[in-house]
Protein backbone atom coordinates (compact mmCIF):
# COMPACT_ATOMS: atom_id res chain seq x y z
CA MET A 1 0.00 0.00 0.00
CA SER A 2 1.88 3.04 -1.17
CA PRO A 3 0.33 6.46 -0.56
CA LYS A 4 -0.74 6.54 -4.20
CA GLN A 5 -2.74 3.37 -3.58
CA ASP A 6 -4.31 4.69 -0.40
CA PRO A 7 -7.45 6.58 -1.55
CA LYS A 8 -9.29 8.74 0.95
CA SER A 9 -12.52 7.07 -0.09
CA PRO A 10 -13.41 3.69 -1.62
CA ALA A 11 -15.22 5.71 -4.29
CA ALA A 12 -11.80 6.83 -5.54
CA SER A 13 -10.92 3.30 -6.69
CA SER A 14 -8.66 3.05 -9.71
CA ALA A 15 -9.46 1.21 -12.92
CA GLY A 16 -9.53 -2.51 -12.31
CA VAL A 17 -11.17 -2.18 -8.91
CA ALA A 18 -14.13 -0.12 -10.06
CA ARG A 19 -16.50 -2.73 -8.65
CA ARG A 20 -14.96 -2.52 -5.18
CA GLN A 21 -17.42 -2.08 -2.34
CA VAL A 22 -17.46 -2.38 1.43
CA LYS A 23 -20.00 -4.47 3.35
CA LEU A 24 -20.36 -5.13 7.05
CA LEU A 25 -19.69 -8.52 8.60
CA ASP A 26 -22.97 -10.10 9.67
CA ALA A 27 -24.92 -13.31 9.13
CA SER A 28 -25.50 -12.44 5.47
CA THR A 29 -21.78 -11.98 4.72
CA TRP A 30 -20.39 -14.65 7.06
CA ALA A 31 -19.86 -17.19 4.26
CA ASP A 32 -17.79 -14.69 2.25
CA PHE A 33 -15.64 -13.83 5.28
CA ALA A 34 -15.21 -17.51 6.12
CA ALA A 35 -14.18 -18.34 2.57
CA LEU A 36 -11.39 -15.75 2.69
CA VAL A 37 -10.15 -17.06 6.04
CA GLU A 38 -10.24 -20.66 4.83
CA ARG A 39 -8.27 -19.76 1.67
CA HIS A 40 -5.50 -18.55 4.01
CA ASN A 41 -5.44 -21.50 6.42
CA GLY A 42 -7.38 -19.80 9.20
CA VAL A 43 -5.29 -16.58 9.13
CA TRP A 44 -2.38 -15.88 11.51
CA GLY A 45 -2.10 -19.53 12.57
CA GLY A 46 -5.82 -20.26 12.68
CA CYS A 47 -6.93 -17.37 14.87
CA TRP A 48 -10.06 -16.52 12.84
CA CYS A 49 -9.66 -12.97 14.17
CA MET A 50 -10.60 -14.08 17.71
CA GLY A 51 -7.47 -12.89 19.53
CA PHE A 52 -8.86 -9.51 20.59
CA HIS A 53 -12.27 -10.75 21.78
CA PRO A 54 -12.81 -11.60 25.47
CA GLU A 55 -12.37 -15.33 24.75
CA GLY A 56 -8.88 -14.73 23.37
CA LEU A 57 -6.87 -17.57 21.90
CA GLY A 58 -5.38 -19.35 24.91
CA ASP A 59 -3.18 -22.42 24.97
CA ARG A 60 -5.88 -25.00 24.23
CA THR A 61 -7.62 -23.32 21.35
CA SER A 62 -7.78 -24.66 17.81
CA ALA A 63 -8.66 -23.24 14.42
CA ALA A 64 -11.95 -25.17 14.49
CA ARG A 65 -12.84 -23.79 17.92
CA ASN A 66 -11.91 -20.25 16.88
CA ARG A 67 -14.11 -20.58 13.79
CA GLU A 68 -17.03 -21.77 15.91
CA LEU A 69 -16.65 -18.90 18.39
CA LYS A 70 -16.30 -16.31 15.63
CA GLU A 71 -19.37 -17.50 13.78
CA ARG A 72 -21.40 -17.47 16.98
CA ARG A 73 -20.33 -13.90 17.71
CA VAL A 74 -21.16 -12.78 14.18
CA ARG A 75 -24.60 -14.37 14.18
CA GLU A 76 -25.37 -12.88 17.60
CA GLY A 77 -24.20 -9.42 16.50
CA HIS A 78 -21.15 -9.34 18.78
CA ALA A 79 -18.43 -9.03 16.13
CA HIS A 80 -17.80 -6.17 13.71
CA ALA A 81 -15.72 -5.84 10.58
CA ALA A 82 -15.72 -3.92 7.33
CA LEU A 83 -15.34 -6.39 4.45
CA VAL A 84 -13.90 -5.23 1.14
CA TYR A 85 -15.23 -6.88 -2.02
CA GLU A 86 -13.92 -6.81 -5.54
CA GLY A 87 -16.86 -7.97 -7.58
CA ASP A 88 -18.41 -10.83 -5.62
CA LEU A 89 -15.18 -11.82 -3.87
CA CYS A 90 -14.30 -10.73 -0.32
CA VAL A 91 -10.61 -9.77 -0.48
CA GLY A 92 -9.93 -8.20 2.92
CA TRP A 93 -11.29 -6.80 6.14
CA CYS A 94 -10.77 -4.44 9.05
CA GLN A 95 -11.97 -5.58 12.47
CA PHE A 96 -13.44 -2.91 14.76
CA GLY A 97 -15.83 -2.77 17.68
CA PRO A 98 -16.66 -1.25 21.05
CA ALA A 99 -13.90 -1.51 23.64
CA ASP A 100 -15.76 -4.17 25.65
CA GLU A 101 -16.17 -6.30 22.53
CA LEU A 102 -12.41 -6.10 21.85
CA PRO A 103 -10.83 -5.78 25.33
CA ARG A 104 -7.55 -7.51 24.51
CA VAL A 105 -4.60 -5.60 23.09
CA LYS A 106 -1.01 -6.57 22.41
CA SER A 107 1.67 -5.30 24.82
CA GLU A 108 -1.14 -5.12 27.37
CA ARG A 109 1.00 -4.24 30.39
CA VAL A 110 2.61 -1.24 28.70
CA TYR A 111 -0.72 -0.23 27.19
CA LEU A 112 -2.55 -0.28 30.54
CA GLU A 113 0.24 1.64 32.29
CA GLY A 114 -0.30 4.58 29.97
CA MET A 115 -4.08 4.42 29.60
CA THR A 116 -6.09 7.24 31.19
CA SER A 117 -9.51 6.11 29.94
CA PRO A 118 -10.66 3.41 27.53
CA PRO A 119 -11.73 4.44 24.03
CA ASP A 120 -15.26 4.07 22.75
CA TRP A 121 -14.09 1.98 19.80
CA ARG A 122 -11.05 -0.07 18.84
CA ILE A 123 -9.68 -1.04 15.44
CA THR A 124 -7.62 -4.14 16.10
CA CYS A 125 -6.62 -5.89 12.91
CA PHE A 126 -6.66 -6.10 9.13
CA PHE A 127 -6.23 -9.01 6.77
CA ILE A 128 -5.85 -8.79 3.00
CA SER A 129 -5.83 -11.65 0.51
CA ARG A 130 -2.29 -12.35 -0.70
CA ARG A 131 -3.24 -11.63 -4.30
CA HIS A 132 -4.75 -8.25 -3.41
CA ARG A 133 -2.10 -6.68 -1.20
CA GLY A 134 -0.62 -3.35 -2.18
CA ARG A 135 -3.83 -2.24 -3.93
CA GLY A 136 -5.49 -0.04 -1.29
CA VAL A 137 -7.73 -2.74 0.18
CA ALA A 138 -6.72 -2.00 3.77
CA ALA A 139 -7.41 1.70 3.21
CA ALA A 140 -10.87 0.91 1.84
CA ALA A 141 -11.57 -1.33 4.84
CA LEU A 142 -10.48 1.37 7.29
CA ASP A 143 -12.69 3.95 5.56
CA GLY A 144 -15.60 1.52 5.78
CA ALA A 145 -15.02 0.90 9.49
CA LEU A 146 -14.85 4.63 10.25
CA ALA A 147 -18.03 5.27 8.26
CA GLU A 148 -19.90 2.63 10.27
CA ILE A 149 -18.56 3.97 13.57
CA ALA A 150 -19.84 7.41 12.56
CA ARG A 151 -23.21 5.92 11.64
CA GLN A 152 -23.39 4.31 15.09
CA GLY A 153 -22.79 7.64 16.85
CA GLY A 154 -19.04 8.09 16.63
CA GLY A 155 -16.73 8.62 19.60
CA VAL A 156 -13.07 8.15 20.39
CA VAL A 157 -11.51 5.51 18.14
CA GLU A 158 -8.18 3.92 19.02
CA SER A 159 -5.86 1.62 17.12
CA TYR A 160 -2.35 0.15 17.39
CA PRO A 161 -0.60 0.27 14.01
CA ALA A 162 3.04 -0.26 13.21
CA ASP A 163 5.46 2.53 12.33
CA MET A 164 6.72 0.87 9.16
CA PRO A 165 6.71 1.65 5.44
CA ASP A 166 3.49 0.81 3.60
CA GLU A 167 5.49 -1.31 1.16
CA LYS A 168 6.70 -3.60 3.95
CA LEU A 169 3.18 -4.06 5.24
CA ALA A 170 2.00 -4.95 1.75
CA LYS A 171 4.35 -7.94 1.83
CA GLY A 172 2.45 -9.39 4.79
CA PHE A 173 4.22 -7.92 7.81
CA GLY A 174 2.12 -6.57 10.67
CA HIS A 175 -1.55 -7.13 11.40
CA ASN A 176 -2.87 -3.63 12.08
CA ALA A 177 -1.72 -1.51 9.13
CA THR A 178 0.65 1.45 9.41
CA VAL A 179 0.75 4.62 11.46
CA ALA A 180 0.96 6.59 8.22
CA MET A 181 -2.31 5.18 6.92
CA PHE A 182 -4.10 6.22 10.10
CA GLU A 183 -2.44 9.64 10.14
CA ARG A 184 -3.72 10.29 6.63
CA ARG A 185 -7.20 9.94 8.14
CA GLY A 186 -6.65 12.37 11.00
CA PHE A 187 -5.45 10.00 13.72
CA ALA A 188 -2.76 11.31 16.05
CA ARG A 189 -0.01 9.39 17.81
CA VAL A 190 -0.76 9.10 21.53
CA ARG A 191 2.10 6.98 22.87
CA PRO A 192 4.28 4.04 21.84
CA VAL A 193 3.52 0.57 23.19
CA SER A 194 6.52 -1.21 21.65
CA LYS A 195 9.55 -0.43 19.52
CA THR A 196 7.43 -0.33 16.38
CA ARG A 197 3.77 0.10 17.41
CA TRP A 198 1.87 3.17 18.56
CA VAL A 199 -1.46 3.93 20.11
CA VAL A 200 -3.21 6.29 17.70
CA ALA A 201 -6.57 7.93 18.31
CA LYS A 202 -9.19 10.13 16.71
CA ARG A 203 -12.60 11.42 17.71
CA VAL A 204 -15.09 10.48 15.01
CA ALA A 205 -18.14 12.72 14.72
CA PRO A 206 -21.60 11.17 14.41
CA ALA A 207 -22.80 10.82 10.85
CA THR A 208 -25.24 13.47 9.71
CA PRO A 209 -28.70 11.91 9.09
CA ALA A 210 -29.58 11.71 5.42
């Protein structure tokens, strides 16, 4: 994801991704999300994007168990993500949700030492299909997540991206995008939580009713 491939809006898609759209993860899109995860062996060692939920991953978990827990959360309305489609194919996502839905963060001890109050929302991870990296999919997913947060009333949004070049991320490094991508959307650095990762935050205004 170079800056040139990081549009401020999914509507600014380049030729070849003109049919790109963002949908929310729910019961109607679960099969598309699951198909993307299954094409990549469960993602990040079979986590199924469960690591930041209260259940966590733990020592005795399995990819099958993570899948079961994730699907249950989705069907009960307790998991949120912005899914990016190219045509009919889901090619990536951004996970977001209220702080109590995603209470776990990496480098938790350092994070908690510096926390003054919890955010209203967290953005915890991205995943992009190998064949679609470096094409602005993560940026489209982030825009979709922020739009939905605004629609749900907005508030303080926090995330934990890496301070690394976009090009390195596009090769599969990191799970929560780059500081630069968030800064281009008005997020500010709050404090570091590791040698490479920062807490970034932004107050998102409520969406104006149509």
